[in-house]
C-alpha atoms as a PDB file:
ATOM      1  CA  MET A   1      73.528  61.786  50.555  1.00  0.00           C
ATOM      2  CA  GLY A   2      75.044  60.022  47.785  1.00  0.00           C
ATOM      3  CA  LEU A   3      74.781  60.597  44.128  1.00  0.00           C
ATOM      4  CA  ASN A   4      72.079  58.086  43.690  1.00  0.00           C
ATOM      5  CA  ASP A   5      69.666  59.251  46.145  1.00  0.00           C
ATOM      6  CA  HIS A   6      66.684  60.338  44.541  1.00  0.00           C
ATOM      7  CA  LYS A   7      63.054  60.664  46.299  1.00  0.00           C
ATOM      8  CA  SER A   8      61.594  59.392  43.770  1.00  0.00           C
ATOM      9  CA  GLY A   9      63.805  56.802  43.419  1.00  0.00           C
ATOM     10  CA  LYS A  10      63.923  57.361  39.385  1.00  0.00           C
ATOM     11  CA  GLU A  11      67.087  58.892  37.604  1.00  0.00           C
ATOM     12  CA  ALA A  12      66.221  62.964  36.744  1.00  0.00           C
ATOM     13  CA  ASN A  13      64.908  63.446  33.115  1.00  0.00           C
ATOM     14  CA  PRO A  14      66.962  66.236  32.371  1.00  0.00           C
ATOM     15  CA  TRP A  15      64.577  66.984  29.208  1.00  0.00           C
ATOM     16  CA  ALA A  16      61.481  67.438  31.612  1.00  0.00           C
ATOM     17  CA  GLN A  17      63.423  70.916  32.330  1.00  0.00           C
ATOM     18  CA  GLN A  18      63.874  72.063  28.607  1.00  0.00           C
ATOM     19  CA  THR A  19      60.846  74.040  27.073  1.00  0.00           C
ATOM     20  CA  ASP A  20      59.059  72.828  24.099  1.00  0.00           C
ATOM     21  CA  GLN A  21      60.890  74.880  21.491  1.00  0.00           C
ATOM     22  CA  ALA A  22      64.721  74.227  23.367  1.00  0.00           C
ATOM     23  CA  LEU A  23      63.608  70.461  23.078  1.00  0.00           C
ATOM     24  CA  GLU A  24      62.095  70.894  19.572  1.00  0.00           C
ATOM     25  CA  GLN A  25      65.741  72.213  18.121  1.00  0.00           C
ATOM     26  CA  TRP A  26      67.464  69.922  20.262  1.00  0.00           C
ATOM     27  CA  LEU A  27      65.904  66.996  18.870  1.00  0.00           C
ATOM     28  CA  GLN A  28      66.019  68.416  15.068  1.00  0.00           C
ATOM     29  CA  LYS A  29      69.808  69.501  15.722  1.00  0.00           C
ATOM     30  CA  ASN A  30      70.841  65.909  16.455  1.00  0.00           C
ATOM     31  CA  ARG A  31      68.797  63.702  14.981  1.00  0.00           C
ATOM     32  CA  PRO A  32      70.601  60.596  14.374  1.00  0.00           C
ATOM     33  CA  LYS A  33      73.167  59.704  11.657  1.00  0.00           C
ATOM     34  CA  PRO A  34      73.455  55.800  11.449  1.00  0.00           C
ATOM     35  CA  LEU A  35      75.847  55.830   8.434  1.00  0.00           C
ATOM     36  CA  PHE A  36      77.858  58.813  10.003  1.00  0.00           C
ATOM     37  CA  ASP A  37      78.244  57.110  13.175  1.00  0.00           C
ATOM     38  CA  ALA A  38      78.739  53.725  12.182  1.00  0.00           C
ATOM     39  CA  PHE A  39      81.741  54.922   9.910  1.00  0.00           C
ATOM     40  CA  PHE A  40      83.349  56.408  12.461  1.00  0.00           C
ATOM     41  CA  ILE A  41      82.942  54.502  15.330  1.00  0.00           C
ATOM     42  CA  GLY A  42      84.272  51.779  12.536  1.00  0.00           C
ATOM     43  CA  PHE A  43      87.417  54.061  12.219  1.00  0.00           C
ATOM     44  CA  LEU A  44      88.251  54.597  15.956  1.00  0.00           C
ATOM     45  CA  ILE A  45      87.776  51.180  15.927  1.00  0.00           C
ATOM     46  CA  GLY A  46      90.743  50.685  13.228  1.00  0.00           C
ATOM     47  CA  ILE A  47      92.662  53.392  15.316  1.00  0.00           C
ATOM     48  CA  LEU A  48      92.949  51.076  17.799  1.00  0.00           C
ATOM     49  CA  ILE A  49      93.577  47.780  15.730  1.00  0.00           C
ATOM     50  CA  PHE A  50      96.741  50.066  14.596  1.00  0.00           C
ATOM     51  CA  GLY A  51      97.798  50.706  18.305  1.00  0.00           C
ATOM     52  CA  ALA A  52      97.887  47.480  19.362  1.00  0.00           C
ATOM     53  CA  ALA A  53      99.280  45.911  16.632  1.00  0.00           C
ATOM     54  CA  ALA A  54     102.186  48.390  16.986  1.00  0.00           C
ATOM     55  CA  ASN A  55     102.552  48.125  20.691  1.00  0.00           C
ATOM     56  CA  VAL A  56     100.976  51.641  21.688  1.00  0.00           C
ATOM     57  CA  TRP A  57      99.204  51.554  24.602  1.00  0.00           C
ATOM     58  CA  GLY A  58      99.051  54.818  26.730  1.00  0.00           C
ATOM     59  CA  PHE A  59      96.706  58.111  26.578  1.00  0.00           C
ATOM     60  CA  PHE A  60      96.021  58.085  22.866  1.00  0.00           C
ATOM     61  CA  ALA A  61      94.068  54.555  23.456  1.00  0.00           C
ATOM     62  CA  LEU A  62      92.124  56.218  25.869  1.00  0.00           C
ATOM     63  CA  ILE A  63      90.750  59.000  23.194  1.00  0.00           C
ATOM     64  CA  PRO A  64      89.553  56.338  20.720  1.00  0.00           C
ATOM     65  CA  LEU A  65      87.470  54.525  23.727  1.00  0.00           C
ATOM     66  CA  VAL A  66      86.044  57.792  24.982  1.00  0.00           C
ATOM     67  CA  LEU A  67      84.689  58.708  21.408  1.00  0.00           C
ATOM     68  CA  ILE A  68      83.346  55.382  20.431  1.00  0.00           C
ATOM     69  CA  TYR A  69      81.158  55.457  24.111  1.00  0.00           C
ATOM     70  CA  LEU A  70      79.942  58.974  22.763  1.00  0.00           C
ATOM     71  CA  PHE A  71      78.603  57.699  19.862  1.00  0.00           C
ATOM     72  CA  LEU A  72      77.368  54.819  21.055  1.00  0.00           C
ATOM     73  CA  LYS A  73      74.961  56.763  23.782  1.00  0.00           C
ATOM     74  CA  LYS A  74      73.770  59.674  21.136  1.00  0.00           C
ATOM     75  CA  PRO A  75      70.898  57.474  19.899  1.00  0.00           C
ATOM     76  CA  LYS A  76      69.698  56.887  23.884  1.00  0.00           C
ATOM     77  CA  GLN A  77      70.087  60.670  24.215  1.00  0.00           C
ATOM     78  CA  TYR A  78      68.209  60.699  21.173  1.00  0.00           C
ATOM     79  CA  ALA A  79      65.693  58.719  21.936  1.00  0.00           C
ATOM     80  CA  ALA A  80      64.824  60.078  25.344  1.00  0.00           C
ATOM     81  CA  ALA A  81      64.449  63.441  24.202  1.00  0.00           C
ATOM     82  CA  LYS A  82      61.687  61.638  21.876  1.00  0.00           C
ATOM     83  CA  GLN A  83      59.669  60.074  24.424  1.00  0.00           C
ATOM     84  CA  GLU A  84      59.665  63.271  26.421  1.00  0.00           C
ATOM     85  CA  TRP A  85      58.946  65.229  22.804  1.00  0.00           C
ATOM     86  CA  GLU A  86      56.120  62.681  22.274  1.00  0.00           C
ATOM     87  CA  ARG A  87      54.448  62.782  26.275  1.00  0.00           C
ATOM     88  CA  ARG A  88      54.186  66.458  25.832  1.00  0.00           C
ATOM     89  CA  LYS A  89      52.757  66.470  22.862  1.00  0.00           C
ATOM     90  CA  GLY A  90      50.432  63.701  24.131  1.00  0.00           C
ATOM     91  CA  SER A  91      49.568  65.706  27.220  1.00  0.00           C
ATOM     92  CA  LYS A  92      48.551  68.829  25.122  1.00  0.00           C
ATOM     93  CA  VAL A  93      46.068  66.715  22.853  1.00  0.00           C
ATOM     94  CA  SER A  94      44.073  65.147  25.408  1.00  0.00           C
ATOM     95  CA  GLY A  95      44.798  68.196  28.250  1.00  0.00           C
END
């Protein structure tokens, strides 16, 4: 049994286990803020460029990289949660 062994062959949807109220609260709380995200990603890239120019590589170079990854992953999480929310709303209307 490995990490990718699923009966359906698809990746499990973590949003399917949330209640409607919890999902709605998460969507409201984590609404994308593209201007802030773009500014912060640019700031972190600037830190990486400064570190490269100052020839400072090491553990502290990983921190901006991890934060950039998290900021780039956030819209995908929001889109998946939004898709689950719309699927639930559609099933309530038609069912």
